[in-house]
Amino acid sequence: MSNADPKGYYAALGVSPTATPAEIDAAFARLEKTLDPNGNVDADSSRKRLAIDEAYWTLSEPDARKNYDALQFAPPQQTPLAPLVECSNCRKVTPEPRYLAFRYVISVVYMSFRRAFQGVYCPSCARSKGLQASAISGLIGWWGIPWGPIFTIPAVFKNAMGGIEPEGTRDDLKWRNAVAYIQRGDKAMAFALARDLRGSKKAAIAQNARELTDSLQAGGFDPNTVKYESGWKASPLITTLHFLFLFAIPIALVVAVMAGVALKTP
C-alpha cells in the first residue's frame, strides 16, 4: 500500500488514486460481474466481496473519499514504548532490577519492632539498603527482652544473603526490561536479559525469551557481541560487613566487661 492508498481501497478496485468517479463506478461494475458469477458464497469470495464493497462505498462518496485521501497526511500512530524499570532509591534505570525487602529491628527494653526497607533496587542501592538495615539492627535491635536477639539475628542473616525477594518478581522485572530494550533497538541488552530468562520457571516468560533470542539470531544478531555482566554478584566483603554490624555491639560489651574485670583483679 502506498501513502496515497493507505488502506488499499484503490488497489482493491484496480484503479489509481487519481481515478475519476466514472472510472471508479466502471471498475466496481466490472468486478461485480467477474468476482462471483455463479453466486458462490465460500469464505474467500465473501472476503473479497466485502473488501470491494467497502472500497467502493468509500471512494464513490465525495466527502468520504476526501477523508480517505487525507489519511496519507496523518502522522503515523506509534505504539508507546514500554518504560524501563527504575530503581526506587536512586531513580536510575537498572537493567536487572529486583524487588527486595531488608528487615531491621528496633528494640526498647520489653518491646521489639520489625520494619523493612523495600522497593525495586539496582545492585548498588540494594547493597546500601541492606547494610543500612543490618547496621540499625546491630546497634539498637538487641535491647529488647526477649524478642530483640530473636528478631535481630535472622534479620541480619537474611540481609547478608541478599534480602527477602518475593518469588517470581525477578523474572517479571527482567522481562519487562527485555521488552523495553528491544523496542528501543538495543538488541544486545535485550538479548542478554532474554538469554537468562530462557530457563525461567514461568513458562510464558521462558517461551517468550526463547522466541526473542531465536528471532534475533535468525535476523543475524551475533550473541558473541554481548558484553553485559550482571551487577548482582555476591561480595564476600559486603557479607562480612553485615555480620560485623551484627556482632559489633555484643563483642564490644564482652570486651568492656572483661576489661572491667581485669582492672578490678588485683
Protein backbone atom coordinates (compact mmCIF):
# COMPACT_ATOMS: atom_id res chain seq x y z
CA MET A 1 0.00 0.00 0.00
CA SER A 2 1.28 3.48 -0.87
CA ASN A 3 0.83 6.64 1.16
CA ALA A 4 -1.78 7.73 -1.39
CA ASP A 5 -3.72 4.50 -0.80
CA PRO A 6 -3.31 3.88 2.97
CA LYS A 7 -5.95 1.12 3.24
CA GLY A 8 -5.62 -0.29 -0.26
CA TYR A 9 -9.07 0.82 -1.46
CA TYR A 10 -7.89 1.98 -4.90
CA ALA A 11 -5.90 -1.23 -5.32
CA ALA A 12 -8.96 -3.30 -4.36
CA LEU A 13 -10.89 -1.73 -7.26
CA GLY A 14 -7.91 -1.85 -9.62
CA VAL A 15 -7.74 1.93 -10.20
CA SER A 16 -5.22 4.64 -9.45
CA PRO A 17 -5.65 7.26 -6.69
CA THR A 18 -6.30 9.82 -9.46
CA ALA A 19 -9.22 7.86 -10.94
CA THR A 20 -12.36 9.80 -11.84
CA PRO A 21 -15.75 8.93 -10.30
CA ALA A 22 -16.77 7.35 -13.63
CA GLU A 23 -13.66 5.14 -13.65
CA ILE A 24 -14.42 4.01 -10.07
CA ASP A 25 -18.04 3.15 -11.00
CA ALA A 26 -16.88 1.21 -14.06
CA ALA A 27 -14.27 -0.71 -12.09
CA PHE A 28 -16.79 -1.74 -9.46
CA ALA A 29 -19.32 -2.86 -12.07
CA ARG A 30 -16.67 -4.93 -13.82
CA LEU A 31 -15.57 -6.62 -10.57
CA GLU A 32 -19.17 -7.41 -9.64
CA LYS A 33 -19.54 -9.41 -12.81
CA THR A 34 -16.26 -11.30 -12.60
CA LEU A 35 -15.81 -11.95 -8.88
CA ASP A 36 -18.74 -14.25 -8.20
CA PRO A 37 -20.51 -15.23 -11.44
CA ASN A 38 -22.06 -18.39 -10.00
CA GLY A 39 -23.28 -16.96 -6.72
CA ASN A 40 -20.55 -18.78 -4.78
CA VAL A 41 -20.55 -17.96 -1.07
CA ASP A 42 -17.31 -19.57 0.11
CA ALA A 43 -15.27 -17.70 2.73
CA ASP A 44 -12.61 -16.47 0.31
CA SER A 45 -15.04 -14.94 -2.18
CA SER A 46 -17.04 -13.39 0.65
CA ARG A 47 -13.94 -11.66 2.00
CA LYS A 48 -13.07 -10.32 -1.43
CA ARG A 49 -16.62 -9.07 -1.96
CA LEU A 50 -16.65 -7.28 1.38
CA ALA A 51 -13.30 -5.64 0.62
CA ILE A 52 -14.52 -4.42 -2.76
CA ASP A 53 -17.81 -3.15 -1.34
CA GLU A 54 -16.00 -1.27 1.45
CA ALA A 55 -13.64 0.31 -1.05
CA TYR A 56 -16.43 1.34 -3.39
CA TRP A 57 -18.68 2.73 -0.65
CA THR A 58 -15.82 4.95 0.49
CA LEU A 59 -14.48 6.10 -2.87
CA SER A 60 -17.85 6.65 -4.55
CA GLU A 61 -18.99 9.16 -1.93
CA PRO A 62 -17.17 12.52 -2.41
CA ASP A 63 -16.79 13.51 1.26
CA ALA A 64 -15.79 10.00 2.33
CA ARG A 65 -13.19 9.91 -0.46
CA LYS A 66 -11.75 13.27 0.63
CA ASN A 67 -11.38 11.99 4.20
CA TYR A 68 -9.75 8.81 2.92
CA ASP A 69 -7.29 10.69 0.73
CA ALA A 70 -6.40 12.90 3.70
CA LEU A 71 -5.19 9.86 5.67
CA GLN A 72 -1.90 9.93 3.73
CA PHE A 73 -1.01 13.17 5.51
CA ALA A 74 -1.87 11.96 9.02
CA PRO A 75 1.13 11.32 11.32
CA PRO A 76 1.84 7.62 11.83
CA GLN A 77 0.44 6.15 15.01
CA GLN A 78 3.18 4.91 17.30
CA THR A 79 2.86 2.29 19.97
CA PRO A 80 4.01 3.79 23.30
CA LEU A 81 7.35 2.39 24.41
CA ALA A 82 7.31 0.18 27.48
CA PRO A 83 9.08 2.05 30.29
CA LEU A 84 12.44 0.85 31.52
CA VAL A 85 12.36 -0.07 35.21
CA GLU A 86 13.96 2.45 37.57
CA CYS A 87 15.49 1.91 40.98
CA SER A 88 13.13 3.09 43.74
CA ASN A 89 16.03 4.68 45.58
CA CYS A 90 18.33 6.40 43.07
CA ARG A 91 15.69 6.65 40.29
CA LYS A 92 18.18 5.42 37.68
CA VAL A 93 17.33 2.78 35.08
CA THR A 94 18.73 -0.60 36.10
CA PRO A 95 18.94 -3.46 33.56
CA GLU A 96 18.27 -6.17 36.16
CA PRO A 97 16.01 -4.68 38.83
CA ARG A 98 14.97 -6.72 41.84
CA TYR A 99 12.14 -6.20 44.28
CA LEU A 100 13.74 -6.69 47.69
CA ALA A 101 12.99 -6.11 51.36
CA PHE A 102 15.66 -5.65 54.03
CA ARG A 103 14.41 -6.01 57.58
CA TYR A 104 15.72 -4.09 60.56
CA VAL A 105 14.86 -4.34 64.24
CA ILE A 106 14.28 -1.58 66.77
CA SER A 107 14.10 -2.61 70.42
CA VAL A 108 13.33 -0.73 73.61
CA VAL A 109 13.58 -2.86 76.77
CA TYR A 110 10.49 -5.11 76.54
CA MET A 111 9.41 -4.07 73.07
CA SER A 112 10.89 -5.02 69.71
CA PHE A 113 9.64 -3.87 66.31
CA ARG A 114 10.48 -5.23 62.87
CA ARG A 115 10.48 -2.81 59.97
CA ALA A 116 11.82 -3.02 56.42
CA PHE A 117 13.31 -1.03 53.59
CA GLN A 118 11.64 -2.35 50.46
CA GLY A 119 11.34 -1.46 46.82
CA VAL A 120 12.75 -2.11 43.37
CA TYR A 121 16.51 -1.70 43.64
CA CYS A 122 19.60 -1.62 41.48
CA PRO A 123 22.58 -3.66 42.79
CA SER A 124 24.30 -0.66 44.36
CA CYS A 125 21.25 0.61 46.23
CA ALA A 126 20.35 -2.93 47.31
CA ARG A 127 23.76 -3.33 48.94
CA SER A 128 23.43 0.08 50.59
CA LYS A 129 19.93 -0.54 51.95
CA GLY A 130 20.88 -4.00 53.17
CA LEU A 131 23.87 -2.69 55.09
CA GLN A 132 21.80 0.18 56.49
CA ALA A 133 19.17 -2.26 57.77
CA SER A 134 21.80 -4.52 59.34
CA ALA A 135 23.56 -1.57 60.97
CA ILE A 136 20.30 -0.40 62.58
CA SER A 137 19.57 -3.90 63.84
CA GLY A 138 23.10 -4.36 65.14
CA LEU A 139 23.02 -1.09 67.06
CA ILE A 140 19.51 -0.99 68.50
CA GLY A 141 17.94 -4.34 67.75
CA TRP A 142 19.47 -6.33 70.58
CA TRP A 143 17.98 -4.42 73.52
CA GLY A 144 14.51 -5.91 73.68
CA ILE A 145 13.65 -8.76 76.07
CA PRO A 146 13.14 -11.43 74.84
CA TRP A 147 12.48 -10.64 71.18
CA GLY A 148 15.43 -8.36 70.44
CA PRO A 149 18.01 -11.10 69.82
CA ILE A 150 15.38 -13.46 68.37
CA PHE A 151 14.42 -10.91 65.72
CA THR A 152 17.84 -9.36 65.13
CA ILE A 153 19.91 -12.42 64.27
CA PRO A 154 17.61 -13.77 61.48
CA ALA A 155 17.05 -10.27 60.08
CA VAL A 156 20.76 -9.55 59.65
CA PHE A 157 21.44 -13.06 58.36
CA LYS A 158 18.74 -12.64 55.69
CA ASN A 159 20.10 -9.21 54.73
CA ALA A 160 23.56 -10.71 54.33
CA MET A 161 22.10 -13.31 51.95
CA GLY A 162 20.59 -10.64 49.73
CA GLY A 163 17.34 -9.70 51.43
CA ILE A 164 13.79 -11.02 51.03
CA GLU A 165 12.66 -11.39 47.40
CA PRO A 166 9.07 -12.34 46.52
CA GLU A 167 9.06 -15.40 44.26
CA GLY A 168 8.79 -14.67 40.57
CA THR A 169 9.29 -10.92 40.72
CA ARG A 170 12.88 -11.12 39.44
CA ASP A 171 11.87 -12.71 36.14
CA ASP A 172 8.88 -10.40 35.74
CA LEU A 173 11.01 -7.28 36.10
CA LYS A 174 13.80 -8.59 33.89
CA TRP A 175 11.37 -9.50 31.11
CA ARG A 176 9.77 -6.05 31.29
CA ASN A 177 13.18 -4.54 30.65
CA ALA A 178 13.98 -7.01 27.85
CA VAL A 179 10.82 -5.87 26.04
CA ALA A 180 11.63 -2.21 26.67
CA TYR A 181 15.17 -2.60 25.33
CA ILE A 182 14.11 -4.39 22.15
CA GLN A 183 11.53 -1.66 21.49
CA ARG A 184 14.35 0.88 21.71
CA GLY A 185 16.54 -1.06 19.33
CA ASP A 186 19.06 -2.16 21.96
CA LYS A 187 19.41 -5.74 20.71
CA ALA A 188 22.48 -6.55 22.80
CA MET A 189 20.85 -5.71 26.13
CA ALA A 190 17.54 -7.33 25.16
CA PHE A 191 19.39 -10.49 24.14
CA ALA A 192 21.45 -10.57 27.35
CA LEU A 193 18.34 -10.39 29.55
CA ALA A 194 16.24 -12.76 27.44
CA ARG A 195 19.04 -15.33 27.31
CA ASP A 196 19.00 -15.56 31.12
CA LEU A 197 15.22 -15.97 31.07
CA ARG A 198 15.11 -18.94 28.70
CA GLY A 199 15.19 -21.20 31.75
CA SER A 200 12.63 -19.22 33.76
CA LYS A 201 10.22 -21.20 35.94
CA LYS A 202 7.46 -19.08 34.46
CA ALA A 203 6.52 -20.92 31.28
CA ALA A 204 5.23 -17.85 29.43
CA ILE A 205 8.37 -15.83 30.14
CA ALA A 206 10.64 -18.74 29.20
CA GLN A 207 8.78 -19.22 25.91
CA ASN A 208 8.83 -15.51 25.06
CA ALA A 209 12.52 -15.29 25.93
CA ARG A 210 13.36 -18.23 23.66
CA GLU A 211 11.36 -16.70 20.82
CA LEU A 212 13.10 -13.35 21.25
CA THR A 213 16.64 -14.76 21.31
CA ASP A 214 15.92 -17.13 18.41
CA SER A 215 14.39 -14.30 16.39
CA LEU A 216 17.39 -12.04 16.99
CA GLN A 217 19.83 -14.74 15.97
CA ALA A 218 17.76 -15.63 12.90
CA GLY A 219 17.94 -11.94 11.95
CA GLY A 220 21.74 -12.02 12.04
CA PHE A 221 22.43 -10.87 15.58
CA ASP A 222 25.73 -12.22 16.88
CA PRO A 223 25.47 -13.32 20.55
CA ASN A 224 29.25 -13.01 20.86
CA THR A 225 28.90 -9.24 20.73
CA VAL A 226 27.07 -9.19 24.09
CA LYS A 227 29.44 -7.86 26.74
CA TYR A 228 26.95 -7.25 29.55
CA GLU A 229 27.77 -8.57 33.03
CA SER A 230 25.28 -8.70 35.88
CA GLY A 231 25.89 -6.41 38.83
CA TRP A 232 24.32 -8.87 41.27
CA LYS A 233 27.41 -10.95 42.01
CA ALA A 234 27.86 -11.87 45.66
CA SER A 235 30.54 -9.93 47.53
CA PRO A 236 32.36 -11.60 50.45
CA LEU A 237 33.27 -8.15 51.75
CA ILE A 238 29.64 -7.00 51.91
CA THR A 239 28.59 -10.26 53.59
CA THR A 240 31.34 -9.82 56.19
CA LEU A 241 30.20 -6.25 56.90
CA HIS A 242 26.67 -7.47 57.69
CA PHE A 243 27.97 -9.87 60.33
CA LEU A 244 30.34 -7.25 61.73
CA PHE A 245 27.33 -5.00 62.27
CA LEU A 246 25.51 -7.89 63.92
CA PHE A 247 28.22 -8.79 66.38
CA ALA A 248 29.97 -5.44 66.90
CA ILE A 249 27.91 -4.42 69.94
CA PRO A 250 27.94 -7.84 71.68
CA ILE A 251 31.69 -8.16 71.13
CA ALA A 252 32.25 -4.62 72.38
CA LEU A 253 30.22 -5.38 75.51
CA VAL A 254 32.13 -8.59 76.17
CA VAL A 255 35.44 -6.78 75.73
CA ALA A 256 34.29 -3.97 78.04
CA VAL A 257 33.19 -6.43 80.73
CA MET A 258 36.40 -8.40 80.50
CA ALA A 259 38.40 -5.19 80.65
CA GLY A 260 36.46 -4.11 83.74
CA VAL A 261 37.04 -7.43 85.43
CA ALA A 262 40.71 -7.29 84.62
CA LEU A 263 41.00 -3.83 86.14
CA LYS A 264 39.34 -4.99 89.35
CA THR A 265 41.54 -8.07 89.64
CA PRO A 266 44.48 -7.35 91.96
